[in-house]
Amino acid sequence: MDDSKVSRAEAHDYTGAVVEHLRLAGAHVSRIMHPPGQRIDSHAHDWPVLTLYRIGSYREEGEAGARVFDGPSVVFQPAGAAHADEIGASGLETLAMTFDPDWLSPEARAALPRRTCWRPGGAVAALSRRLAELWMSPAPDADELRAQTSRFLLNMWSAQVVAQPVWADEIEHWLVSEAPTRAIANDVERHPAWLARAYRAWRGEGLGDTVRRRRVERATLRLRGSSAPLADVAAECGFCDQSHMNRAFRTVLGRTPLEVRREAAALAPLMAL
């Protein structure tokens, strides 16, 4: 494999604020941040890209149609696949791996699709959190990273898209109000344990995980848009206290609220795009 191939797939392939985390001979991983409302014209990447959702929302249009992503999801874009994006009101953060197909295992390389592949929610989205942890670990073993990424892709290709349950829209206002699972289950006439399992199977995260992620989204917007004390932001966004907010940010983003606040300067030039 020609190691110089991936070196040409530079960070500017991503229309966002980019923090490159890991560069290997054959692949590199970056964290991509977008401000609320950013519009990204149709574009394509020089090399295949595997994108793992973290927080926020966006609408993507491309050869596979249009879809809104507002929770755990995975998107694979083959090289040259044109797509346009519109970032939602809560902004967006993803992890993205650009790779040379020759870097993958032979089985995964042979199975690479030629079209965009989406997997919103479900088991694949849940598994993506483990892959993200490996990608973002301080010093991952290169062979293990290659093997696990290849295995993940094979699972992604074979997984079915989980249909939205009939009760999904009914429980949304309960999630917004952060009601307990029992109250939500009573409203849709389901057992709480059954609802918790069914929601996780569909969304790729638990009911409590959704509530925590959305708190982090709200706090991220507040931190980047104001100089309000951290304790005030925590209270405004539904956390018990500043320590609670710190733990949630560590769990969801792997960074502290103060680190997230400092990223506002990198996002400022993108606000008008």
C-alpha atoms as a PDB file:
ATOM      1  CA  MET A   1       0.000   0.000   0.000  1.00  0.00           C
ATOM      2  CA  ASP A   2       1.178   3.475  -0.848  1.00  0.00           C
ATOM      3  CA  ASP A   3       1.274   5.345   2.462  1.00  0.00           C
ATOM      4  CA  SER A   4       1.291   8.671   0.623  1.00  0.00           C
ATOM      5  CA  LYS A   5      -2.320   8.171  -0.503  1.00  0.00           C
ATOM      6  CA  VAL A   6      -3.985   9.095   2.740  1.00  0.00           C
ATOM      7  CA  SER A   7      -1.619  11.993   3.311  1.00  0.00           C
ATOM      8  CA  ARG A   8      -3.379  13.720   0.424  1.00  0.00           C
ATOM      9  CA  ALA A   9      -6.778  13.378   2.141  1.00  0.00           C
ATOM     10  CA  GLU A  10      -6.187  16.400   4.338  1.00  0.00           C
ATOM     11  CA  ALA A  11      -8.440  17.938   6.989  1.00  0.00           C
ATOM     12  CA  HIS A  12      -9.805  20.539   4.544  1.00  0.00           C
ATOM     13  CA  ASP A  13     -11.905  17.758   3.015  1.00  0.00           C
ATOM     14  CA  TYR A  14     -14.247  18.430   5.956  1.00  0.00           C
ATOM     15  CA  THR A  15     -16.247  21.671   5.954  1.00  0.00           C
ATOM     16  CA  GLY A  16     -16.079  22.171   9.706  1.00  0.00           C
ATOM     17  CA  ALA A  17     -13.721  22.926  12.554  1.00  0.00           C
ATOM     18  CA  VAL A  18     -11.357  19.963  12.504  1.00  0.00           C
ATOM     19  CA  VAL A  19      -9.239  18.503  15.289  1.00  0.00           C
ATOM     20  CA  GLU A  20      -7.094  15.708  13.916  1.00  0.00           C
ATOM     21  CA  HIS A  21      -6.655  13.012  16.537  1.00  0.00           C
ATOM     22  CA  LEU A  22      -4.829  10.122  14.924  1.00  0.00           C
ATOM     23  CA  ARG A  23      -2.841   9.567  11.733  1.00  0.00           C
ATOM     24  CA  LEU A  24      -1.744   6.110  10.677  1.00  0.00           C
ATOM     25  CA  ALA A  25      -0.205   4.723   7.506  1.00  0.00           C
ATOM     26  CA  GLY A  26      -3.513   4.177   5.742  1.00  0.00           C
ATOM     27  CA  ALA A  27      -6.095   6.008   7.872  1.00  0.00           C
ATOM     28  CA  HIS A  28      -6.619   9.039  10.024  1.00  0.00           C
ATOM     29  CA  VAL A  29      -9.272  10.047  12.554  1.00  0.00           C
ATOM     30  CA  SER A  30     -10.555  13.580  13.139  1.00  0.00           C
ATOM     31  CA  ARG A  31     -13.158  15.239  15.323  1.00  0.00           C
ATOM     32  CA  ILE A  32     -15.380  17.557  13.277  1.00  0.00           C
ATOM     33  CA  MET A  33     -17.464  20.370  14.810  1.00  0.00           C
ATOM     34  CA  HIS A  34     -20.123  22.494  13.085  1.00  0.00           C
ATOM     35  CA  PRO A  35     -22.001  25.546  14.391  1.00  0.00           C
ATOM     36  CA  PRO A  36     -25.813  25.706  14.385  1.00  0.00           C
ATOM     37  CA  GLY A  37     -27.386  26.441  11.016  1.00  0.00           C
ATOM     38  CA  GLN A  38     -24.264  25.899   8.908  1.00  0.00           C
ATOM     39  CA  ARG A  39     -25.080  25.029   5.306  1.00  0.00           C
ATOM     40  CA  ILE A  40     -22.589  22.890   3.408  1.00  0.00           C
ATOM     41  CA  ASP A  41     -22.860  22.847  -0.375  1.00  0.00           C
ATOM     42  CA  SER A  42     -22.631  19.624  -2.336  1.00  0.00           C
ATOM     43  CA  HIS A  43     -19.148  18.162  -2.042  1.00  0.00           C
ATOM     44  CA  ALA A  44     -17.314  14.851  -2.123  1.00  0.00           C
ATOM     45  CA  HIS A  45     -14.319  13.328  -0.365  1.00  0.00           C
ATOM     46  CA  ASP A  46     -11.194  12.062  -2.066  1.00  0.00           C
ATOM     47  CA  TRP A  47     -11.203   8.870   0.004  1.00  0.00           C
ATOM     48  CA  PRO A  48     -13.884   6.795   1.764  1.00  0.00           C
ATOM     49  CA  VAL A  49     -15.110   8.318   5.034  1.00  0.00           C
ATOM     50  CA  LEU A  50     -16.764   6.595   7.982  1.00  0.00           C
ATOM     51  CA  THR A  51     -18.579   9.088  10.223  1.00  0.00           C
ATOM     52  CA  LEU A  52     -19.756   8.398  13.777  1.00  0.00           C
ATOM     53  CA  TYR A  53     -22.340  10.734  15.350  1.00  0.00           C
ATOM     54  CA  ARG A  54     -21.678  12.341  18.743  1.00  0.00           C
ATOM     55  CA  ILE A  55     -24.090  15.249  19.398  1.00  0.00           C
ATOM     56  CA  GLY A  56     -26.380  17.608  17.489  1.00  0.00           C
ATOM     57  CA  SER A  57     -28.364  17.125  14.301  1.00  0.00           C
ATOM     58  CA  TYR A  58     -28.108  17.577  10.552  1.00  0.00           C
ATOM     59  CA  ARG A  59     -29.901  16.893   7.301  1.00  0.00           C
ATOM     60  CA  GLU A  60     -27.964  15.214   4.520  1.00  0.00           C
ATOM     61  CA  GLU A  61     -28.903  15.068   0.854  1.00  0.00           C
ATOM     62  CA  GLY A  62     -27.090  12.879  -1.628  1.00  0.00           C
ATOM     63  CA  GLU A  63     -27.348  10.027  -4.062  1.00  0.00           C
ATOM     64  CA  ALA A  64     -29.119   7.925  -1.429  1.00  0.00           C
ATOM     65  CA  GLY A  65     -31.813  10.576  -0.919  1.00  0.00           C
ATOM     66  CA  ALA A  66     -32.264  12.818   2.121  1.00  0.00           C
ATOM     67  CA  ARG A  67     -32.301  11.979   5.796  1.00  0.00           C
ATOM     68  CA  VAL A  68     -32.206  13.780   9.136  1.00  0.00           C
ATOM     69  CA  PHE A  69     -29.816  12.500  11.798  1.00  0.00           C
ATOM     70  CA  ASP A  70     -30.524  13.610  15.362  1.00  0.00           C
ATOM     71  CA  GLY A  71     -29.195  10.743  17.437  1.00  0.00           C
ATOM     72  CA  PRO A  72     -26.680   7.874  17.388  1.00  0.00           C
ATOM     73  CA  SER A  73     -25.968   6.965  13.774  1.00  0.00           C
ATOM     74  CA  VAL A  74     -23.257   5.938  11.337  1.00  0.00           C
ATOM     75  CA  VAL A  75     -22.698   7.110   7.761  1.00  0.00           C
ATOM     76  CA  PHE A  76     -20.309   5.675   5.193  1.00  0.00           C
ATOM     77  CA  GLN A  77     -19.434   7.827   2.176  1.00  0.00           C
ATOM     78  CA  PRO A  78     -17.473   6.180  -0.662  1.00  0.00           C
ATOM     79  CA  ALA A  79     -14.868   8.269  -2.429  1.00  0.00           C
ATOM     80  CA  GLY A  80     -16.476  10.745  -4.813  1.00  0.00           C
ATOM     81  CA  ALA A  81     -20.024  10.479  -3.415  1.00  0.00           C
ATOM     82  CA  ALA A  82     -21.523  13.970  -3.596  1.00  0.00           C
ATOM     83  CA  HIS A  83     -23.637  15.147  -0.650  1.00  0.00           C
ATOM     84  CA  ALA A  84     -24.850  18.395   0.909  1.00  0.00           C
ATOM     85  CA  ASP A  85     -25.583  19.038   4.569  1.00  0.00           C
ATOM     86  CA  GLU A  86     -27.553  21.452   6.706  1.00  0.00           C
ATOM     87  CA  ILE A  87     -26.647  21.580  10.391  1.00  0.00           C
ATOM     88  CA  GLY A  88     -29.493  21.749  12.903  1.00  0.00           C
ATOM     89  CA  ALA A  89     -30.191  24.284  15.647  1.00  0.00           C
ATOM     90  CA  SER A  90     -28.088  22.388  18.182  1.00  0.00           C
ATOM     91  CA  GLY A  91     -24.940  22.262  16.044  1.00  0.00           C
ATOM     92  CA  LEU A  92     -23.128  19.037  15.308  1.00  0.00           C
ATOM     93  CA  GLU A  93     -20.091  17.042  16.338  1.00  0.00           C
ATOM     94  CA  THR A  94     -18.895  13.842  14.692  1.00  0.00           C
ATOM     95  CA  LEU A  95     -15.854  11.605  14.529  1.00  0.00           C
ATOM     96  CA  ALA A  96     -14.672  10.803  11.021  1.00  0.00           C
ATOM     97  CA  MET A  97     -12.147   8.324   9.690  1.00  0.00           C
ATOM     98  CA  THR A  98     -10.706   8.799   6.212  1.00  0.00           C
ATOM     99  CA  PHE A  99      -8.981   5.659   4.959  1.00  0.00           C
ATOM    100  CA  ASP A 100      -7.355   3.930   2.044  1.00  0.00           C
ATOM    101  CA  PRO A 101      -9.483   0.838   1.248  1.00  0.00           C
ATOM    102  CA  ASP A 102      -6.255  -1.192   1.193  1.00  0.00           C
ATOM    103  CA  TRP A 103      -5.875  -0.425   4.906  1.00  0.00           C
ATOM    104  CA  LEU A 104      -8.913  -2.572   5.744  1.00  0.00           C
ATOM    105  CA  SER A 105      -8.972  -6.336   6.092  1.00  0.00           C
ATOM    106  CA  PRO A 106      -9.460  -8.155   2.753  1.00  0.00           C
ATOM    107  CA  GLU A 107     -13.019  -9.137   3.743  1.00  0.00           C
ATOM    108  CA  ALA A 108     -14.068  -5.599   4.617  1.00  0.00           C
ATOM    109  CA  ARG A 109     -12.351  -4.158   1.554  1.00  0.00           C
ATOM    110  CA  ALA A 110     -14.166  -6.575  -0.757  1.00  0.00           C
ATOM    111  CA  ALA A 111     -17.510  -5.659   0.821  1.00  0.00           C
ATOM    112  CA  LEU A 112     -17.170  -1.863   0.576  1.00  0.00           C
ATOM    113  CA  PRO A 113     -20.342  -0.468  -1.023  1.00  0.00           C
ATOM    114  CA  ARG A 114     -20.152   1.931  -3.938  1.00  0.00           C
ATOM    115  CA  ARG A 115     -23.005   4.052  -2.609  1.00  0.00           C
ATOM    116  CA  THR A 116     -23.606   6.012   0.567  1.00  0.00           C
ATOM    117  CA  CYS A 117     -24.676   3.771   3.439  1.00  0.00           C
ATOM    118  CA  TRP A 118     -26.685   5.065   6.438  1.00  0.00           C
ATOM    119  CA  ARG A 119     -27.382   3.272   9.703  1.00  0.00           C
ATOM    120  CA  PRO A 120     -29.414   5.501  12.058  1.00  0.00           C
ATOM    121  CA  GLY A 121     -29.946   4.014  15.504  1.00  0.00           C
ATOM    122  CA  GLY A 122     -30.066   0.289  16.171  1.00  0.00           C
ATOM    123  CA  ALA A 123     -27.279  -2.061  17.148  1.00  0.00           C
ATOM    124  CA  VAL A 124     -24.751  -0.521  14.734  1.00  0.00           C
ATOM    125  CA  ALA A 125     -25.137   2.908  16.324  1.00  0.00           C
ATOM    126  CA  ALA A 126     -24.719   1.367  19.767  1.00  0.00           C
ATOM    127  CA  LEU A 127     -21.569  -0.457  18.659  1.00  0.00           C
ATOM    128  CA  SER A 128     -20.194   2.764  17.192  1.00  0.00           C
ATOM    129  CA  ARG A 129     -19.597   4.089  20.715  1.00  0.00           C
ATOM    130  CA  ARG A 130     -17.116   1.301  21.355  1.00  0.00           C
ATOM    131  CA  LEU A 131     -15.385   2.016  18.069  1.00  0.00           C
ATOM    132  CA  ALA A 132     -15.242   5.720  18.940  1.00  0.00           C
ATOM    133  CA  GLU A 133     -13.579   4.882  22.260  1.00  0.00           C
ATOM    134  CA  LEU A 134     -10.935   2.876  20.406  1.00  0.00           C
ATOM    135  CA  TRP A 135     -10.376   5.625  17.837  1.00  0.00           C
ATOM    136  CA  MET A 136      -9.993   8.247  20.570  1.00  0.00           C
ATOM    137  CA  SER A 137      -7.852   6.231  22.964  1.00  0.00           C
ATOM    138  CA  PRO A 138      -4.463   7.868  23.689  1.00  0.00           C
ATOM    139  CA  ALA A 139      -2.313   5.250  21.976  1.00  0.00           C
ATOM    140  CA  PRO A 140      -4.394   2.630  20.138  1.00  0.00           C
ATOM    141  CA  ASP A 141      -2.718  -0.439  18.733  1.00  0.00           C
ATOM    142  CA  ALA A 142      -2.694   0.027  14.956  1.00  0.00           C
ATOM    143  CA  ASP A 143      -3.433  -3.621  14.176  1.00  0.00           C
ATOM    144  CA  GLU A 144      -6.287  -3.733  16.686  1.00  0.00           C
ATOM    145  CA  LEU A 145      -7.755  -0.522  15.311  1.00  0.00           C
ATOM    146  CA  ARG A 146      -7.633  -1.876  11.769  1.00  0.00           C
ATOM    147  CA  ALA A 147      -9.212  -5.183  12.812  1.00  0.00           C
ATOM    148  CA  GLN A 148     -11.989  -3.591  14.875  1.00  0.00           C
ATOM    149  CA  THR A 149     -12.808  -0.981  12.223  1.00  0.00           C
ATOM    150  CA  SER A 150     -12.960  -3.691   9.549  1.00  0.00           C
ATOM    151  CA  ARG A 151     -15.209  -5.841  11.748  1.00  0.00           C
ATOM    152  CA  PHE A 152     -17.460  -2.881  12.460  1.00  0.00           C
ATOM    153  CA  LEU A 153     -17.866  -2.136   8.741  1.00  0.00           C
ATOM    154  CA  LEU A 154     -18.819  -5.733   8.011  1.00  0.00           C
ATOM    155  CA  ASN A 155     -21.446  -5.575  10.760  1.00  0.00           C
ATOM    156  CA  MET A 156     -22.688  -2.289   9.341  1.00  0.00           C
ATOM    157  CA  TRP A 157     -23.201  -3.659   5.839  1.00  0.00           C
ATOM    158  CA  SER A 158     -25.200  -6.644   7.101  1.00  0.00           C
ATOM    159  CA  ALA A 159     -27.351  -4.768   9.662  1.00  0.00           C
ATOM    160  CA  GLN A 160     -30.916  -3.810   8.861  1.00  0.00           C
ATOM    161  CA  VAL A 161     -32.221  -0.278   9.417  1.00  0.00           C
ATOM    162  CA  VAL A 162     -34.531  -0.302  12.437  1.00  0.00           C
ATOM    163  CA  ALA A 163     -37.948   1.175  11.647  1.00  0.00           C
ATOM    164  CA  GLN A 164     -39.233   3.996  13.836  1.00  0.00           C
ATOM    165  CA  PRO A 165     -41.738   2.615  16.356  1.00  0.00           C
ATOM    166  CA  VAL A 166     -45.343   3.819  16.172  1.00  0.00           C
ATOM    167  CA  TRP A 167     -45.003   5.293  19.676  1.00  0.00           C
ATOM    168  CA  ALA A 168     -41.798   7.264  18.970  1.00  0.00           C
ATOM    169  CA  ASP A 169     -43.492  10.605  18.314  1.00  0.00           C
ATOM    170  CA  GLU A 170     -45.801  10.128  21.298  1.00  0.00           C
ATOM    171  CA  ILE A 171     -42.954   9.984  23.794  1.00  0.00           C
ATOM    172  CA  GLU A 172     -40.963  12.924  22.424  1.00  0.00           C
ATOM    173  CA  HIS A 173     -42.633  15.543  24.627  1.00  0.00           C
ATOM    174  CA  TRP A 174     -41.955  13.333  27.642  1.00  0.00           C
ATOM    175  CA  LEU A 175     -38.273  13.167  26.741  1.00  0.00           C
ATOM    176  CA  VAL A 176     -38.142  16.928  26.341  1.00  0.00           C
ATOM    177  CA  SER A 177     -39.605  17.330  29.823  1.00  0.00           C
ATOM    178  CA  GLU A 178     -37.212  14.633  31.103  1.00  0.00           C
ATOM    179  CA  ALA A 179     -40.033  12.579  32.607  1.00  0.00           C
ATOM    180  CA  PRO A 180     -39.199   9.264  34.337  1.00  0.00           C
ATOM    181  CA  THR A 181     -39.439   6.064  32.292  1.00  0.00           C
ATOM    182  CA  ARG A 182     -42.496   4.859  34.233  1.00  0.00           C
ATOM    183  CA  ALA A 183     -44.472   7.987  33.303  1.00  0.00           C
ATOM    184  CA  ILE A 184     -43.487   7.634  29.640  1.00  0.00           C
ATOM    185  CA  ALA A 185     -44.416   3.943  29.634  1.00  0.00           C
ATOM    186  CA  ASN A 186     -47.807   4.649  31.219  1.00  0.00           C
ATOM    187  CA  ASP A 187     -48.563   7.196  28.513  1.00  0.00           C
ATOM    188  CA  VAL A 188     -48.001   4.693  25.699  1.00  0.00           C
ATOM    189  CA  GLU A 189     -49.468   1.777  27.674  1.00  0.00           C
ATOM    190  CA  ARG A 190     -46.290  -0.278  27.783  1.00  0.00           C
ATOM    191  CA  HIS A 191     -44.327  -1.875  30.605  1.00  0.00           C
ATOM    192  CA  PRO A 192     -41.365   0.348  31.610  1.00  0.00           C
ATOM    193  CA  ALA A 193     -38.814  -2.460  31.110  1.00  0.00           C
ATOM    194  CA  TRP A 194     -40.255  -3.301  27.686  1.00  0.00           C
ATOM    195  CA  LEU A 195     -40.214   0.348  26.619  1.00  0.00           C
ATOM    196  CA  ALA A 196     -36.624   0.811  27.786  1.00  0.00           C
ATOM    197  CA  ARG A 197     -35.470  -2.215  25.742  1.00  0.00           C
ATOM    198  CA  ALA A 198     -37.479  -1.247  22.663  1.00  0.00           C
ATOM    199  CA  TYR A 199     -36.243   2.344  22.739  1.00  0.00           C
ATOM    200  CA  ARG A 200     -32.603   1.247  23.006  1.00  0.00           C
ATOM    201  CA  ALA A 201     -33.045  -1.229  20.134  1.00  0.00           C
ATOM    202  CA  TRP A 202     -34.426   1.552  17.935  1.00  0.00           C
ATOM    203  CA  ARG A 203     -32.341   4.550  18.976  1.00  0.00           C
ATOM    204  CA  GLY A 204     -29.045   2.865  19.759  1.00  0.00           C
ATOM    205  CA  GLU A 205     -29.047   4.509  23.202  1.00  0.00           C
ATOM    206  CA  GLY A 206     -31.195   4.370  26.333  1.00  0.00           C
ATOM    207  CA  LEU A 207     -33.875   6.849  27.357  1.00  0.00           C
ATOM    208  CA  GLY A 208     -31.562   8.276  30.019  1.00  0.00           C
ATOM    209  CA  ASP A 209     -28.734   8.509  27.479  1.00  0.00           C
ATOM    210  CA  THR A 210     -30.937  10.648  25.219  1.00  0.00           C
ATOM    211  CA  VAL A 211     -31.797  12.997  28.080  1.00  0.00           C
ATOM    212  CA  ARG A 212     -28.123  13.346  29.043  1.00  0.00           C
ATOM    213  CA  ARG A 213     -27.001  13.897  25.437  1.00  0.00           C
ATOM    214  CA  ARG A 214     -29.565  16.631  24.916  1.00  0.00           C
ATOM    215  CA  ARG A 215     -28.506  18.361  28.129  1.00  0.00           C
ATOM    216  CA  VAL A 216     -24.938  18.318  26.829  1.00  0.00           C
ATOM    217  CA  GLU A 217     -26.122  19.753  23.508  1.00  0.00           C
ATOM    218  CA  ARG A 218     -27.926  22.617  25.246  1.00  0.00           C
ATOM    219  CA  ALA A 219     -24.983  23.289  27.518  1.00  0.00           C
ATOM    220  CA  THR A 220     -22.550  23.233  24.585  1.00  0.00           C
ATOM    221  CA  LEU A 221     -24.532  25.964  22.811  1.00  0.00           C
ATOM    222  CA  ARG A 222     -24.681  28.030  25.992  1.00  0.00           C
ATOM    223  CA  LEU A 223     -20.987  27.620  26.755  1.00  0.00           C
ATOM    224  CA  ARG A 224     -19.919  28.658  23.263  1.00  0.00           C
ATOM    225  CA  GLY A 225     -22.360  31.541  23.052  1.00  0.00           C
ATOM    226  CA  SER A 226     -21.862  33.227  26.407  1.00  0.00           C
ATOM    227  CA  SER A 227     -19.453  33.887  29.244  1.00  0.00           C
ATOM    228  CA  ALA A 228     -21.941  32.684  31.880  1.00  0.00           C
ATOM    229  CA  PRO A 229     -20.317  30.879  34.839  1.00  0.00           C
ATOM    230  CA  LEU A 230     -20.192  27.098  34.472  1.00  0.00           C
ATOM    231  CA  ALA A 231     -22.373  26.615  37.521  1.00  0.00           C
ATOM    232  CA  ASP A 232     -25.086  28.813  35.961  1.00  0.00           C
ATOM    233  CA  VAL A 233     -24.910  26.891  32.671  1.00  0.00           C
ATOM    234  CA  ALA A 234     -25.260  23.620  34.571  1.00  0.00           C
ATOM    235  CA  ALA A 235     -28.375  24.832  36.357  1.00  0.00           C
ATOM    236  CA  GLU A 236     -29.937  26.256  33.188  1.00  0.00           C
ATOM    237  CA  CYS A 237     -29.410  23.031  31.238  1.00  0.00           C
ATOM    238  CA  GLY A 238     -30.858  20.571  33.726  1.00  0.00           C
ATOM    239  CA  PHE A 239     -27.778  19.318  35.559  1.00  0.00           C
ATOM    240  CA  CYS A 240     -27.826  18.893  39.328  1.00  0.00           C
ATOM    241  CA  ASP A 241     -24.648  20.944  39.665  1.00  0.00           C
ATOM    242  CA  GLN A 242     -21.387  21.739  37.904  1.00  0.00           C
ATOM    243  CA  SER A 243     -19.820  18.398  38.863  1.00  0.00           C
ATOM    244  CA  HIS A 244     -22.786  16.590  37.331  1.00  0.00           C
ATOM    245  CA  MET A 245     -22.297  18.571  34.108  1.00  0.00           C
ATOM    246  CA  ASN A 246     -18.574  17.769  34.084  1.00  0.00           C
ATOM    247  CA  ARG A 247     -19.286  14.038  34.354  1.00  0.00           C
ATOM    248  CA  ALA A 248     -21.872  14.176  31.580  1.00  0.00           C
ATOM    249  CA  PHE A 249     -19.498  16.014  29.235  1.00  0.00           C
ATOM    250  CA  ARG A 250     -16.749  13.495  29.955  1.00  0.00           C
ATOM    251  CA  THR A 251     -19.123  10.633  29.171  1.00  0.00           C
ATOM    252  CA  VAL A 252     -20.667  12.084  26.010  1.00  0.00           C
ATOM    253  CA  LEU A 253     -17.781  14.076  24.494  1.00  0.00           C
ATOM    254  CA  GLY A 254     -14.668  12.998  26.376  1.00  0.00           C
ATOM    255  CA  ARG A 255     -13.913  16.650  27.215  1.00  0.00           C
ATOM    256  CA  THR A 256     -14.702  19.103  29.980  1.00  0.00           C
ATOM    257  CA  PRO A 257     -17.183  21.989  29.629  1.00  0.00           C
ATOM    258  CA  LEU A 258     -14.283  24.439  29.848  1.00  0.00           C
ATOM    259  CA  GLU A 259     -12.517  22.730  26.930  1.00  0.00           C
ATOM    260  CA  VAL A 260     -15.740  22.873  24.913  1.00  0.00           C
ATOM    261  CA  ARG A 261     -16.132  26.593  25.653  1.00  0.00           C
ATOM    262  CA  ARG A 262     -12.630  27.274  24.333  1.00  0.00           C
ATOM    263  CA  GLU A 263     -13.623  25.776  20.960  1.00  0.00           C
ATOM    264  CA  ALA A 264     -15.945  28.718  20.190  1.00  0.00           C
ATOM    265  CA  ALA A 265     -13.143  30.634  18.462  1.00  0.00           C
ATOM    266  CA  ALA A 266     -12.560  27.791  15.990  1.00  0.00           C
ATOM    267  CA  LEU A 267     -16.259  27.700  15.100  1.00  0.00           C
ATOM    268  CA  ALA A 268     -16.729  31.455  14.701  1.00  0.00           C
ATOM    269  CA  PRO A 269     -15.488  31.653  11.059  1.00  0.00           C
ATOM    270  CA  LEU A 270     -18.044  29.008  10.064  1.00  0.00           C
ATOM    271  CA  MET A 271     -21.076  30.787  11.487  1.00  0.00           C
ATOM    272  CA  ALA A 272     -21.853  32.580   8.220  1.00  0.00           C
ATOM    273  CA  LEU A 273     -21.456  29.494   6.006  1.00  0.00           C
END
